[in-house]
C-alpha atoms as a PDB file:
ATOM      1  CA  UNK A   1     101.161  55.656 100.803  1.00  0.00           C
ATOM      2  CA  UNK A   2      98.598  56.951  98.309  1.00  0.00           C
ATOM      3  CA  UNK A   3      99.434  60.147  96.505  1.00  0.00           C
ATOM      4  CA  UNK A   4      97.461  63.284  97.199  1.00  0.00           C
ATOM      5  CA  UNK A   5      95.321  64.026  94.142  1.00  0.00           C
ATOM      6  CA  UNK A   6      95.273  67.657  93.082  1.00  0.00           C
ATOM      7  CA  UNK A   7      93.202  69.755  90.677  1.00  0.00           C
ATOM      8  CA  UNK A   8      93.883  73.269  89.403  1.00  0.00           C
ATOM      9  CA  UNK A   9      91.102  75.688  88.441  1.00  0.00           C
ATOM     10  CA  UNK A  10      92.345  78.514  86.226  1.00  0.00           C
ATOM     11  CA  UNK A  11      95.493  78.091  84.119  1.00  0.00           C
ATOM     12  CA  UNK A  12      96.769  81.680  83.953  1.00  0.00           C
ATOM     13  CA  UNK A  13     100.208  82.864  85.036  1.00  0.00           C
ATOM     14  CA  UNK A  14      99.842  82.365  88.792  1.00  0.00           C
ATOM     15  CA  UNK A  15      98.827  78.739  88.318  1.00  0.00           C
ATOM     16  CA  UNK A  16     102.391  78.087  87.166  1.00  0.00           C
ATOM     17  CA  UNK A  17     103.637  78.992  90.644  1.00  0.00           C
ATOM     18  CA  UNK A  18     101.179  76.529  92.183  1.00  0.00           C
ATOM     19  CA  UNK A  19     102.161  73.855  89.677  1.00  0.00           C
ATOM     20  CA  UNK A  20     105.821  74.387  90.522  1.00  0.00           C
ATOM     21  CA  UNK A  21     105.032  73.959  94.196  1.00  0.00           C
ATOM     22  CA  UNK A  22     103.222  70.683  93.618  1.00  0.00           C
ATOM     23  CA  UNK A  23     106.035  69.374  91.414  1.00  0.00           C
ATOM     24  CA  UNK A  24     108.535  70.258  94.143  1.00  0.00           C
ATOM     25  CA  UNK A  25     106.722  67.806  96.439  1.00  0.00           C
ATOM     26  CA  UNK A  26     107.678  64.943  94.121  1.00  0.00           C
ATOM     27  CA  UNK A  27     105.854  61.641  94.565  1.00  0.00           C
ATOM     28  CA  UNK A  28     103.840  62.990  97.480  1.00  0.00           C
ATOM     29  CA  UNK A  29     101.243  64.569  95.161  1.00  0.00           C
ATOM     30  CA  UNK A  30      99.850  64.093  91.674  1.00  0.00           C
ATOM     31  CA  UNK A  31      98.075  66.824  89.693  1.00  0.00           C
ATOM     32  CA  UNK A  32      95.407  64.788  87.911  1.00  0.00           C
ATOM     33  CA  UNK A  33      93.048  67.468  86.551  1.00  0.00           C
ATOM     34  CA  UNK A  34      92.962  71.087  85.455  1.00  0.00           C
ATOM     35  CA  UNK A  35      90.146  73.390  84.419  1.00  0.00           C
ATOM     36  CA  UNK A  36      89.853  76.612  82.426  1.00  0.00           C
ATOM     37  CA  UNK A  37      87.009  78.230  80.492  1.00  0.00           C
ATOM     38  CA  UNK A  38      89.372  78.427  77.487  1.00  0.00           C
ATOM     39  CA  UNK A  39      89.470  74.870  76.159  1.00  0.00           C
ATOM     40  CA  UNK A  40      92.498  75.332  73.919  1.00  0.00           C
ATOM     41  CA  UNK A  41      94.412  76.961  76.752  1.00  0.00           C
ATOM     42  CA  UNK A  42      93.659  74.243  79.290  1.00  0.00           C
ATOM     43  CA  UNK A  43      94.653  71.508  76.843  1.00  0.00           C
ATOM     44  CA  UNK A  44      97.999  73.233  76.192  1.00  0.00           C
ATOM     45  CA  UNK A  45      98.522  73.557  79.929  1.00  0.00           C
ATOM     46  CA  UNK A  46      97.734  69.888  80.535  1.00  0.00           C
ATOM     47  CA  UNK A  47     100.099  68.778  77.767  1.00  0.00           C
ATOM     48  CA  UNK A  48     102.897  70.990  79.131  1.00  0.00           C
ATOM     49  CA  UNK A  49     102.595  69.652  82.668  1.00  0.00           C
ATOM     50  CA  UNK A  50     101.524  66.068  81.984  1.00  0.00           C
ATOM     51  CA  UNK A  51      98.050  66.402  83.505  1.00  0.00           C
ATOM     52  CA  UNK A  52      95.739  63.585  82.313  1.00  0.00           C
ATOM     53  CA  UNK A  53      92.279  65.217  82.581  1.00  0.00           C
ATOM     54  CA  UNK A  54      91.034  68.606  81.391  1.00  0.00           C
ATOM     55  CA  UNK A  55      87.752  70.437  81.936  1.00  0.00           C
ATOM     56  CA  UNK A  56      86.101  73.722  81.032  1.00  0.00           C
ATOM     57  CA  UNK A  57      83.590  73.535  83.916  1.00  0.00           C
ATOM     58  CA  UNK A  58      84.837  73.221  87.502  1.00  0.00           C
ATOM     59  CA  UNK A  59      81.530  71.699  88.604  1.00  0.00           C
ATOM     60  CA  UNK A  60      82.048  68.865  86.123  1.00  0.00           C
ATOM     61  CA  UNK A  61      85.644  68.439  87.292  1.00  0.00           C
ATOM     62  CA  UNK A  62      84.583  68.141  90.927  1.00  0.00           C
ATOM     63  CA  UNK A  63      81.789  65.679  90.015  1.00  0.00           C
ATOM     64  CA  UNK A  64      84.055  63.375  88.012  1.00  0.00           C
ATOM     65  CA  UNK A  65      87.346  63.588  89.930  1.00  0.00           C
ATOM     66  CA  UNK A  66      88.155  62.420  93.458  1.00  0.00           C
ATOM     67  CA  UNK A  67      90.402  65.292  94.524  1.00  0.00           C
ATOM     68  CA  UNK A  68      92.091  65.865  97.866  1.00  0.00           C
ATOM     69  CA  UNK A  69      93.320  69.397  97.151  1.00  0.00           C
ATOM     70  CA  UNK A  70      92.428  72.144  94.688  1.00  0.00           C
ATOM     71  CA  UNK A  71      94.179  75.384  93.721  1.00  0.00           C
ATOM     72  CA  UNK A  72      91.840  78.196  92.633  1.00  0.00           C
ATOM     73  CA  UNK A  73      93.803  80.458  90.289  1.00  0.00           C
ATOM     74  CA  UNK A  74      91.040  82.170  88.302  1.00  0.00           C
ATOM     75  CA  UNK A  75      90.321  85.855  87.959  1.00  0.00           C
ATOM     76  CA  UNK A  76      88.924  87.345  91.145  1.00  0.00           C
ATOM     77  CA  UNK A  77      85.278  87.311  90.079  1.00  0.00           C
ATOM     78  CA  UNK A  78      85.340  83.493  89.889  1.00  0.00           C
ATOM     79  CA  UNK A  79      87.065  82.838  93.237  1.00  0.00           C
ATOM     80  CA  UNK A  80      83.861  82.418  95.217  1.00  0.00           C
ATOM     81  CA  UNK A  81      82.106  80.018  92.844  1.00  0.00           C
ATOM     82  CA  UNK A  82      85.160  77.865  92.172  1.00  0.00           C
ATOM     83  CA  UNK A  83      86.173  77.685  95.835  1.00  0.00           C
ATOM     84  CA  UNK A  84      82.726  76.737  97.106  1.00  0.00           C
ATOM     85  CA  UNK A  85      82.329  74.113  94.371  1.00  0.00           C
ATOM     86  CA  UNK A  86      85.702  72.583  95.261  1.00  0.00           C
ATOM     87  CA  UNK A  87      84.959  72.578  99.004  1.00  0.00           C
ATOM     88  CA  UNK A  88      81.563  70.997  98.520  1.00  0.00           C
ATOM     89  CA  UNK A  89      83.138  68.520  96.133  1.00  0.00           C
ATOM     90  CA  UNK A  90      85.250  67.214  99.009  1.00  0.00           C
ATOM     91  CA  UNK A  91      88.558  68.998  98.417  1.00  0.00           C
ATOM     92  CA  UNK A  92      90.745  71.204 100.562  1.00  0.00           C
ATOM     93  CA  UNK A  93      91.301  74.521  98.794  1.00  0.00           C
ATOM     94  CA  UNK A  94      94.001  77.130  98.405  1.00  0.00           C
ATOM     95  CA  UNK A  95      92.466  80.213  96.788  1.00  0.00           C
ATOM     96  CA  UNK A  96      94.666  82.900  95.322  1.00  0.00           C
ATOM     97  CA  UNK A  97      94.539  86.415  96.728  1.00  0.00           C
ATOM     98  CA  UNK A  98      92.450  88.472  96.950  1.00  0.00           C
ATOM     99  CA  UNK A  99      90.069  85.992  98.521  1.00  0.00           C
ATOM    100  CA  UNK A 100      87.035  87.394  96.699  1.00  0.00           C
ATOM    101  CA  UNK A 101      85.486  90.495  95.160  1.00  0.00           C
ATOM    102  CA  UNK A 102      84.299  91.727  98.558  1.00  0.00           C
ATOM    103  CA  UNK A 103      83.868  90.672 102.187  1.00  0.00           C
ATOM    104  CA  UNK A 104      80.359  89.294 101.655  1.00  0.00           C
ATOM    105  CA  UNK A 105      81.654  86.791  99.094  1.00  0.00           C
ATOM    106  CA  UNK A 106      84.594  85.933 101.345  1.00  0.00           C
ATOM    107  CA  UNK A 107      82.251  85.172 104.238  1.00  0.00           C
ATOM    108  CA  UNK A 108      80.239  82.815 102.001  1.00  0.00           C
ATOM    109  CA  UNK A 109      83.446  80.964 101.153  1.00  0.00           C
ATOM    110  CA  UNK A 110      84.469  80.700 104.793  1.00  0.00           C
ATOM    111  CA  UNK A 111      81.000  79.440 105.710  1.00  0.00           C
ATOM    112  CA  UNK A 112      81.297  76.715 103.051  1.00  0.00           C
ATOM    113  CA  UNK A 113      84.656  75.641 104.496  1.00  0.00           C
ATOM    114  CA  UNK A 114      83.153  75.362 107.976  1.00  0.00           C
ATOM    115  CA  UNK A 115      80.087  73.574 106.630  1.00  0.00           C
ATOM    116  CA  UNK A 116      82.178  70.948 104.828  1.00  0.00           C
ATOM    117  CA  UNK A 117      84.948  70.671 107.410  1.00  0.00           C
ATOM    118  CA  UNK A 118      87.550  71.268 104.714  1.00  0.00           C
ATOM    119  CA  UNK A 119      90.611  73.506 104.790  1.00  0.00           C
ATOM    120  CA  UNK A 120      90.443  76.894 103.094  1.00  0.00           C
ATOM    121  CA  UNK A 121      93.825  78.585 102.750  1.00  0.00           C
ATOM    122  CA  UNK A 122      94.315  81.981 101.080  1.00  0.00           C
ATOM    123  CA  UNK A 123      97.260  82.656  98.765  1.00  0.00           C
ATOM    124  CA  UNK A 124      99.048  85.211 100.954  1.00  0.00           C
ATOM    125  CA  UNK A 125     102.445  84.097  99.708  1.00  0.00           C
ATOM    126  CA  UNK A 126     104.307  86.931 101.434  1.00  0.00           C
ATOM    127  CA  UNK A 127     103.686  85.127 104.732  1.00  0.00           C
ATOM    128  CA  UNK A 128     105.987  82.372 103.445  1.00  0.00           C
ATOM    129  CA  UNK A 129     108.957  84.589 102.550  1.00  0.00           C
ATOM    130  CA  UNK A 130     112.264  84.384 104.385  1.00  0.00           C
ATOM    131  CA  UNK A 131     111.838  88.070 105.259  1.00  0.00           C
ATOM    132  CA  UNK A 132     108.586  87.312 107.080  1.00  0.00           C
ATOM    133  CA  UNK A 133     110.157  84.336 108.876  1.00  0.00           C
ATOM    134  CA  UNK A 134     113.047  86.474 110.100  1.00  0.00           C
ATOM    135  CA  UNK A 135     110.883  89.319 111.371  1.00  0.00           C
ATOM    136  CA  UNK A 136     108.473  86.971 113.126  1.00  0.00           C
ATOM    137  CA  UNK A 137     111.463  85.288 114.773  1.00  0.00           C
ATOM    138  CA  UNK A 138     112.761  88.636 116.056  1.00  0.00           C
ATOM    139  CA  UNK A 139     109.287  89.841 117.037  1.00  0.00           C
ATOM    140  CA  UNK A 140     108.532  86.645 118.963  1.00  0.00           C
ATOM    141  CA  UNK A 141     111.841  87.116 120.808  1.00  0.00           C
ATOM    142  CA  UNK A 142     110.720  90.572 121.957  1.00  0.00           C
ATOM    143  CA  UNK A 143     113.227  92.520 119.871  1.00  0.00           C
ATOM    144  CA  UNK A 144     110.568  94.867 118.471  1.00  0.00           C
ATOM    145  CA  UNK A 145     108.657  95.586 121.655  1.00  0.00           C
ATOM    146  CA  UNK A 146     105.104  96.771 121.000  1.00  0.00           C
ATOM    147  CA  UNK A 147     104.559  97.504 117.302  1.00  0.00           C
ATOM    148  CA  UNK A 148     102.352 100.599 117.099  1.00  0.00           C
ATOM    149  CA  UNK A 149     102.818 102.030 113.583  1.00  0.00           C
ATOM    150  CA  UNK A 150     103.565 100.634 110.127  1.00  0.00           C
ATOM    151  CA  UNK A 151     104.030 101.868 106.556  1.00  0.00           C
ATOM    152  CA  UNK A 152     103.569  99.673 103.503  1.00  0.00           C
ATOM    153  CA  UNK A 153     103.946 100.589  99.827  1.00  0.00           C
ATOM    154  CA  UNK A 154     103.635  98.705  96.558  1.00  0.00           C
ATOM    155  CA  UNK A 155     104.065 101.332  93.868  1.00  0.00           C
ATOM    156  CA  UNK A 156     104.495 101.006  90.106  1.00  0.00           C
ATOM    157  CA  UNK A 157     105.302 103.876  87.799  1.00  0.00           C
ATOM    158  CA  UNK A 158     103.651 102.259  84.784  1.00  0.00           C
ATOM    159  CA  UNK A 159     102.422  98.817  85.716  1.00  0.00           C
ATOM    160  CA  UNK A 160      98.875  97.778  84.977  1.00  0.00           C
ATOM    161  CA  UNK A 161      99.109  94.050  84.187  1.00  0.00           C
ATOM    162  CA  UNK A 162      96.536  94.488  81.424  1.00  0.00           C
ATOM    163  CA  UNK A 163      93.588  92.312  80.457  1.00  0.00           C
ATOM    164  CA  UNK A 164      91.074  91.589  83.200  1.00  0.00           C
ATOM    165  CA  UNK A 165      93.218  93.189  85.921  1.00  0.00           C
ATOM    166  CA  UNK A 166      92.100  96.623  84.738  1.00  0.00           C
ATOM    167  CA  UNK A 167      88.408  95.710  84.496  1.00  0.00           C
ATOM    168  CA  UNK A 168      86.620  96.059  87.838  1.00  0.00           C
ATOM    169  CA  UNK A 169      83.923  93.578  86.787  1.00  0.00           C
ATOM    170  CA  UNK A 170      86.568  90.832  86.820  1.00  0.00           C
ATOM    171  CA  UNK A 171      89.112  92.152  89.347  1.00  0.00           C
ATOM    172  CA  UNK A 172      87.016  93.996  91.928  1.00  0.00           C
ATOM    173  CA  UNK A 173      89.446  96.918  91.871  1.00  0.00           C
ATOM    174  CA  UNK A 174      92.888  98.083  90.866  1.00  0.00           C
ATOM    175  CA  UNK A 175      96.248  98.270  92.625  1.00  0.00           C
ATOM    176  CA  UNK A 176      94.703  98.253  96.112  1.00  0.00           C
ATOM    177  CA  UNK A 177      93.081  94.831  95.697  1.00  0.00           C
ATOM    178  CA  UNK A 178      95.844  93.456  93.448  1.00  0.00           C
ATOM    179  CA  UNK A 179      99.061  94.810  94.996  1.00  0.00           C
ATOM    180  CA  UNK A 180      98.079  96.467  98.248  1.00  0.00           C
ATOM    181  CA  UNK A 181      96.548  93.237  99.508  1.00  0.00           C
ATOM    182  CA  UNK A 182     100.062  91.705  99.636  1.00  0.00           C
ATOM    183  CA  UNK A 183     101.613  94.351 101.864  1.00  0.00           C
ATOM    184  CA  UNK A 184      98.526  94.932 104.007  1.00  0.00           C
ATOM    185  CA  UNK A 185      98.352  91.237 104.835  1.00  0.00           C
ATOM    186  CA  UNK A 186     102.116  90.975 105.367  1.00  0.00           C
ATOM    187  CA  UNK A 187     102.011  93.871 107.826  1.00  0.00           C
ATOM    188  CA  UNK A 188      99.066  92.380 109.680  1.00  0.00           C
ATOM    189  CA  UNK A 189     100.796  88.981 109.822  1.00  0.00           C
ATOM    190  CA  UNK A 190     104.049  90.444 111.143  1.00  0.00           C
ATOM    191  CA  UNK A 191     102.110  92.364 113.806  1.00  0.00           C
ATOM    192  CA  UNK A 192     100.376  89.217 115.062  1.00  0.00           C
ATOM    193  CA  UNK A 193      97.143  89.375 113.024  1.00  0.00           C
ATOM    194  CA  UNK A 194      95.330  92.144 114.945  1.00  0.00           C
ATOM    195  CA  UNK A 195      91.680  92.849 114.166  1.00  0.00           C
ATOM    196  CA  UNK A 196      91.028  95.851 111.877  1.00  0.00           C
ATOM    197  CA  UNK A 197      88.582  98.369 113.338  1.00  0.00           C
ATOM    198  CA  UNK A 198      88.466 101.303 110.886  1.00  0.00           C
ATOM    199  CA  UNK A 199      89.900 102.703 107.665  1.00  0.00           C
ATOM    200  CA  UNK A 200      90.131 106.027 105.862  1.00  0.00           C
ATOM    201  CA  UNK A 201      91.163 105.924 102.230  1.00  0.00           C
ATOM    202  CA  UNK A 202      91.400 107.756  98.933  1.00  0.00           C
ATOM    203  CA  UNK A 203      91.619 106.478  95.368  1.00  0.00           C
ATOM    204  CA  UNK A 204      92.489 108.304  92.153  1.00  0.00           C
ATOM    205  CA  UNK A 205      91.983 107.564  88.482  1.00  0.00           C
ATOM    206  CA  UNK A 206      93.874 110.438  86.895  1.00  0.00           C
ATOM    207  CA  UNK A 207      96.558 108.855  84.709  1.00  0.00           C
ATOM    208  CA  UNK A 208      95.049 105.871  82.929  1.00  0.00           C
ATOM    209  CA  UNK A 209      97.127 102.948  81.756  1.00  0.00           C
ATOM    210  CA  UNK A 210     100.277 102.677  79.656  1.00  0.00           C
ATOM    211  CA  UNK A 211     101.052 106.394  79.311  1.00  0.00           C
ATOM    212  CA  UNK A 212     104.522 105.649  77.947  1.00  0.00           C
ATOM    213  CA  UNK A 213     106.912 102.756  77.513  1.00  0.00           C
ATOM    214  CA  UNK A 214     109.859 104.694  78.935  1.00  0.00           C
ATOM    215  CA  UNK A 215     112.277 102.812  76.721  1.00  0.00           C
ATOM    216  CA  UNK A 216     110.918  99.488  77.938  1.00  0.00           C
ATOM    217  CA  UNK A 217     108.189  97.232  76.639  1.00  0.00           C
ATOM    218  CA  UNK A 218     104.798  98.656  77.595  1.00  0.00           C
ATOM    219  CA  UNK A 219     102.321  96.600  79.555  1.00  0.00           C
ATOM    220  CA  UNK A 220      99.485  95.056  77.591  1.00  0.00           C
ATOM    221  CA  UNK A 221      96.853  97.690  76.814  1.00  0.00           C
ATOM    222  CA  UNK A 222      93.608  96.581  78.477  1.00  0.00           C
ATOM    223  CA  UNK A 223      91.300  99.011  76.639  1.00  0.00           C
ATOM    224  CA  UNK A 224      89.398  97.091  73.991  1.00  0.00           C
ATOM    225  CA  UNK A 225      91.382  93.897  74.555  1.00  0.00           C
ATOM    226  CA  UNK A 226      88.941  90.961  74.494  1.00  0.00           C
ATOM    227  CA  UNK A 227      86.229  93.278  75.725  1.00  0.00           C
ATOM    228  CA  UNK A 228      88.078  94.378  78.876  1.00  0.00           C
ATOM    229  CA  UNK A 229      87.757  98.016  79.883  1.00  0.00           C
ATOM    230  CA  UNK A 230      90.070 100.017  82.143  1.00  0.00           C
ATOM    231  CA  UNK A 231      87.743 100.885  85.040  1.00  0.00           C
ATOM    232  CA  UNK A 232      89.951 100.677  88.150  1.00  0.00           C
ATOM    233  CA  UNK A 233      91.909 103.207  90.183  1.00  0.00           C
ATOM    234  CA  UNK A 234      95.498 104.188  89.335  1.00  0.00           C
ATOM    235  CA  UNK A 235      96.457 104.838  92.948  1.00  0.00           C
ATOM    236  CA  UNK A 236      95.114 104.193  96.444  1.00  0.00           C
ATOM    237  CA  UNK A 237      96.234 105.392  99.854  1.00  0.00           C
ATOM    238  CA  UNK A 238      94.769 104.598 103.264  1.00  0.00           C
ATOM    239  CA  UNK A 239      95.161 104.622 107.021  1.00  0.00           C
ATOM    240  CA  UNK A 240      93.972 101.463 108.767  1.00  0.00           C
ATOM    241  CA  UNK A 241      93.531 101.163 112.537  1.00  0.00           C
ATOM    242  CA  UNK A 242      93.636  97.890 114.482  1.00  0.00           C
ATOM    243  CA  UNK A 243      92.313  96.836 117.872  1.00  0.00           C
ATOM    244  CA  UNK A 244      95.777  96.522 119.440  1.00  0.00           C
ATOM    245  CA  UNK A 245      96.634 100.180 118.776  1.00  0.00           C
ATOM    246  CA  UNK A 246      98.512  99.579 115.522  1.00  0.00           C
ATOM    247  CA  UNK A 247      98.002 102.085 112.712  1.00  0.00           C
ATOM    248  CA  UNK A 248      99.001 101.204 109.137  1.00  0.00           C
ATOM    249  CA  UNK A 249      99.610 103.652 106.300  1.00  0.00           C
ATOM    250  CA  UNK A 250      99.409 101.912 102.914  1.00  0.00           C
ATOM    251  CA  UNK A 251      99.929 103.058  99.300  1.00  0.00           C
ATOM    252  CA  UNK A 252      99.500 101.092  96.069  1.00  0.00           C
ATOM    253  CA  UNK A 253      99.636 102.142  92.414  1.00  0.00           C
ATOM    254  CA  UNK A 254      99.525 100.851  88.867  1.00  0.00           C
ATOM    255  CA  UNK A 255     100.491 104.300  87.561  1.00  0.00           C
ATOM    256  CA  UNK A 256     102.150 107.095  89.531  1.00  0.00           C
ATOM    257  CA  UNK A 257     104.675 109.821  88.732  1.00  0.00           C
ATOM    258  CA  UNK A 258     107.609 108.385  90.680  1.00  0.00           C
ATOM    259  CA  UNK A 259     111.206 107.677  89.574  1.00  0.00           C
ATOM    260  CA  UNK A 260     110.920 103.879  89.706  1.00  0.00           C
ATOM    261  CA  UNK A 261     108.829 101.008  91.041  1.00  0.00           C
ATOM    262  CA  UNK A 262     109.203 100.430  94.759  1.00  0.00           C
ATOM    263  CA  UNK A 263     107.891  98.192  97.493  1.00  0.00           C
ATOM    264  CA  UNK A 264     108.634  98.466 101.203  1.00  0.00           C
ATOM    265  CA  UNK A 265     107.170  97.420 104.519  1.00  0.00           C
ATOM    266  CA  UNK A 266     108.212  99.186 107.721  1.00  0.00           C
ATOM    267  CA  UNK A 267     107.162  98.443 111.284  1.00  0.00           C
ATOM    268  CA  UNK A 268     107.912 100.706 114.221  1.00  0.00           C
ATOM    269  CA  UNK A 269     108.054  99.288 117.741  1.00  0.00           C
ATOM    270  CA  UNK A 270     108.884 100.583 121.198  1.00  0.00           C
ATOM    271  CA  UNK A 271     112.253  98.777 121.188  1.00  0.00           C
ATOM    272  CA  UNK A 272     113.205  98.785 117.495  1.00  0.00           C
ATOM    273  CA  UNK A 273     111.993  99.309 113.960  1.00  0.00           C
ATOM    274  CA  UNK A 274     112.372  97.122 110.898  1.00  0.00           C
ATOM    275  CA  UNK A 275     112.299  97.692 107.147  1.00  0.00           C
ATOM    276  CA  UNK A 276     111.843  95.233 104.293  1.00  0.00           C
ATOM    277  CA  UNK A 277     113.270  96.555 101.042  1.00  0.00           C
ATOM    278  CA  UNK A 278     114.796  93.513  99.449  1.00  0.00           C
ATOM    279  CA  UNK A 279     116.581  92.416 102.623  1.00  0.00           C
ATOM    280  CA  UNK A 280     115.586  92.973 106.244  1.00  0.00           C
ATOM    281  CA  UNK A 281     117.192  95.631 108.436  1.00  0.00           C
ATOM    282  CA  UNK A 282     116.436  96.471 112.068  1.00  0.00           C
ATOM    283  CA  UNK A 283     116.979  99.885 113.691  1.00  0.00           C
ATOM    284  CA  UNK A 284     117.530 100.187 117.449  1.00  0.00           C
ATOM    285  CA  UNK A 285     119.985 101.474 120.053  1.00  0.00           C
ATOM    286  CA  UNK A 286     122.631  99.653 122.053  1.00  0.00           C
ATOM    287  CA  UNK A 287     125.087 100.904 124.675  1.00  0.00           C
ATOM    288  CA  UNK A 288     124.051 104.494 124.041  1.00  0.00           C
ATOM    289  CA  UNK A 289     124.478 104.279 120.262  1.00  0.00           C
ATOM    290  CA  UNK A 290     122.000 103.987 117.407  1.00  0.00           C
ATOM    291  CA  UNK A 291     122.665 100.766 115.476  1.00  0.00           C
ATOM    292  CA  UNK A 292     121.393  99.112 112.301  1.00  0.00           C
ATOM    293  CA  UNK A 293     121.235  95.319 112.317  1.00  0.00           C
ATOM    294  CA  UNK A 294     121.196  93.094 109.220  1.00  0.00           C
ATOM    295  CA  UNK A 295     120.581  89.445 110.116  1.00  0.00           C
ATOM    296  CA  UNK A 296     122.804  86.911 108.402  1.00  0.00           C
ATOM    297  CA  UNK A 297     121.482  84.321 105.953  1.00  0.00           C
ATOM    298  CA  UNK A 298     118.546  84.475 103.526  1.00  0.00           C
ATOM    299  CA  UNK A 299     116.200  87.247 104.623  1.00  0.00           C
ATOM    300  CA  UNK A 300     114.482  88.329 101.420  1.00  0.00           C
ATOM    301  CA  UNK A 301     111.366  87.337  99.502  1.00  0.00           C
ATOM    302  CA  UNK A 302     112.114  84.987  96.617  1.00  0.00           C
ATOM    303  CA  UNK A 303     110.082  82.896  94.186  1.00  0.00           C
ATOM    304  CA  UNK A 304     110.780  79.789  96.271  1.00  0.00           C
ATOM    305  CA  UNK A 305     108.210  81.135  98.742  1.00  0.00           C
ATOM    306  CA  UNK A 306     105.512  79.747  96.433  1.00  0.00           C
ATOM    307  CA  UNK A 307     106.966  76.258  96.926  1.00  0.00           C
ATOM    308  CA  UNK A 308     106.896  76.796 100.692  1.00  0.00           C
ATOM    309  CA  UNK A 309     103.312  78.051 100.432  1.00  0.00           C
ATOM    310  CA  UNK A 310     102.127  74.955  98.563  1.00  0.00           C
ATOM    311  CA  UNK A 311     104.030  72.672 100.919  1.00  0.00           C
ATOM    312  CA  UNK A 312     102.406  74.456 103.836  1.00  0.00           C
ATOM    313  CA  UNK A 313      98.991  74.012 102.234  1.00  0.00           C
ATOM    314  CA  UNK A 314      99.454  70.284 101.692  1.00  0.00           C
ATOM    315  CA  UNK A 315     100.856  69.840 105.211  1.00  0.00           C
ATOM    316  CA  UNK A 316      97.845  71.681 106.662  1.00  0.00           C
ATOM    317  CA  UNK A 317      95.429  69.666 104.509  1.00  0.00           C
ATOM    318  CA  UNK A 318      96.933  66.470 105.960  1.00  0.00           C
ATOM    319  CA  UNK A 319      96.802  67.833 109.510  1.00  0.00           C
ATOM    320  CA  UNK A 320     100.593  67.877 109.815  1.00  0.00           C
ATOM    321  CA  UNK A 321     100.879  71.640 110.426  1.00  0.00           C
ATOM    322  CA  UNK A 322      98.623  74.601 111.204  1.00  0.00           C
ATOM    323  CA  UNK A 323      97.420  76.717 108.299  1.00  0.00           C
ATOM    324  CA  UNK A 324      99.475  79.916 108.038  1.00  0.00           C
ATOM    325  CA  UNK A 325      96.925  81.904 105.966  1.00  0.00           C
ATOM    326  CA  UNK A 326      93.397  80.994 107.011  1.00  0.00           C
ATOM    327  CA  UNK A 327      90.024  81.813 105.538  1.00  0.00           C
ATOM    328  CA  UNK A 328      89.483  84.081 108.537  1.00  0.00           C
ATOM    329  CA  UNK A 329      92.610  86.015 107.520  1.00  0.00           C
ATOM    330  CA  UNK A 330      91.165  86.377 104.040  1.00  0.00           C
ATOM    331  CA  UNK A 331      87.871  87.726 105.359  1.00  0.00           C
ATOM    332  CA  UNK A 332      89.703  90.261 107.551  1.00  0.00           C
ATOM    333  CA  UNK A 333      91.618  91.520 104.522  1.00  0.00           C
ATOM    334  CA  UNK A 334      88.489  91.820 102.409  1.00  0.00           C
ATOM    335  CA  UNK A 335      86.843  93.857 105.158  1.00  0.00           C
ATOM    336  CA  UNK A 336      89.818  96.228 105.108  1.00  0.00           C
ATOM    337  CA  UNK A 337      89.660  96.597 101.319  1.00  0.00           C
ATOM    338  CA  UNK A 338      85.893  97.134 101.368  1.00  0.00           C
ATOM    339  CA  UNK A 339      86.272  99.831 104.016  1.00  0.00           C
ATOM    340  CA  UNK A 340      88.997 101.652 102.078  1.00  0.00           C
ATOM    341  CA  UNK A 341      86.980 101.649  98.852  1.00  0.00           C
ATOM    342  CA  UNK A 342      83.867 102.793 100.726  1.00  0.00           C
ATOM    343  CA  UNK A 343      85.808 105.551 102.448  1.00  0.00           C
ATOM    344  CA  UNK A 344      87.200 106.722  99.104  1.00  0.00           C
ATOM    345  CA  UNK A 345      83.651 107.038  97.800  1.00  0.00           C
ATOM    346  CA  UNK A 346      82.151 108.756 100.846  1.00  0.00           C
ATOM    347  CA  UNK A 347      85.104 110.828 102.032  1.00  0.00           C
ATOM    348  CA  UNK A 348      84.569 109.533 105.563  1.00  0.00           C
ATOM    349  CA  UNK A 349      86.285 107.064 107.848  1.00  0.00           C
ATOM    350  CA  UNK A 350      84.578 103.640 107.836  1.00  0.00           C
ATOM    351  CA  UNK A 351      84.225 101.376 110.873  1.00  0.00           C
ATOM    352  CA  UNK A 352      85.043  97.707 110.301  1.00  0.00           C
ATOM    353  CA  UNK A 353      82.853  95.159 112.082  1.00  0.00           C
END
């Protein structure tokens, strides 16, 4: 059987997770090309991973290579162009989150996937965690009842990743689009992918980046680094309503005066509630007593989820399994983010169509 030929566009940190996933598939796939606008960087990457062909232009890569699958791992501003080029070049695509800079770009990408008949998967890796698998298993069994409210947080005390992440021209936004997207999508996935109908949000830029190291190594200072400015929010909070009656409260920060970094997802149903904070724990009542239930086995999110994500992508590309994170899911998330940012600017709730 012929190997699946893979290309990678963008050789930054997250591409390493994709590369690891492809390597975990063994002889089933072969990464034959990689692309980055930094020629020295892409050549180092190719040498490290044994990739035969390098490019600095993804259009050239797609013209010269016969690729079955492509990972788009660039900064957010390049997601649309790279994804559409790869789709039109005949490849199935997994594009890292967030799908795009805004919903309009995301819809262009989805239209290109439909036009070409190729798969477009979005890098919502939290959908592939053991925690998500466990909760979906319990939810599908009716343990939760009707899920009507959820809370999701991804908060850092001092955690701007630096570089382009702090520059809105490259990232599209700050912690909401970088971190919040993970927990918003995870919540929506666990609740059965309901349609968002409105959002009210606030954003703040009061603290700036890298206020103190706190005895630990400070994050890279974006200001002045390679021309990147710090132009994104420090903190975002929002309420999102869905068509099935679910309401989600979400918070995300790069910088916030809290004791330590934290990330939790909580869902509240008519029969039980559940919380993800490392492991999974359910809260319900039995025989007239309140009880907490911790399922046995692996129930947390671990790095191996990236391997499962890439395997799921390749399986879906070959028609062996349904796609778990579709282009439609990506568009829905971008509409939520757009509405929150618009609401923060206008001070009013925004309807999502």
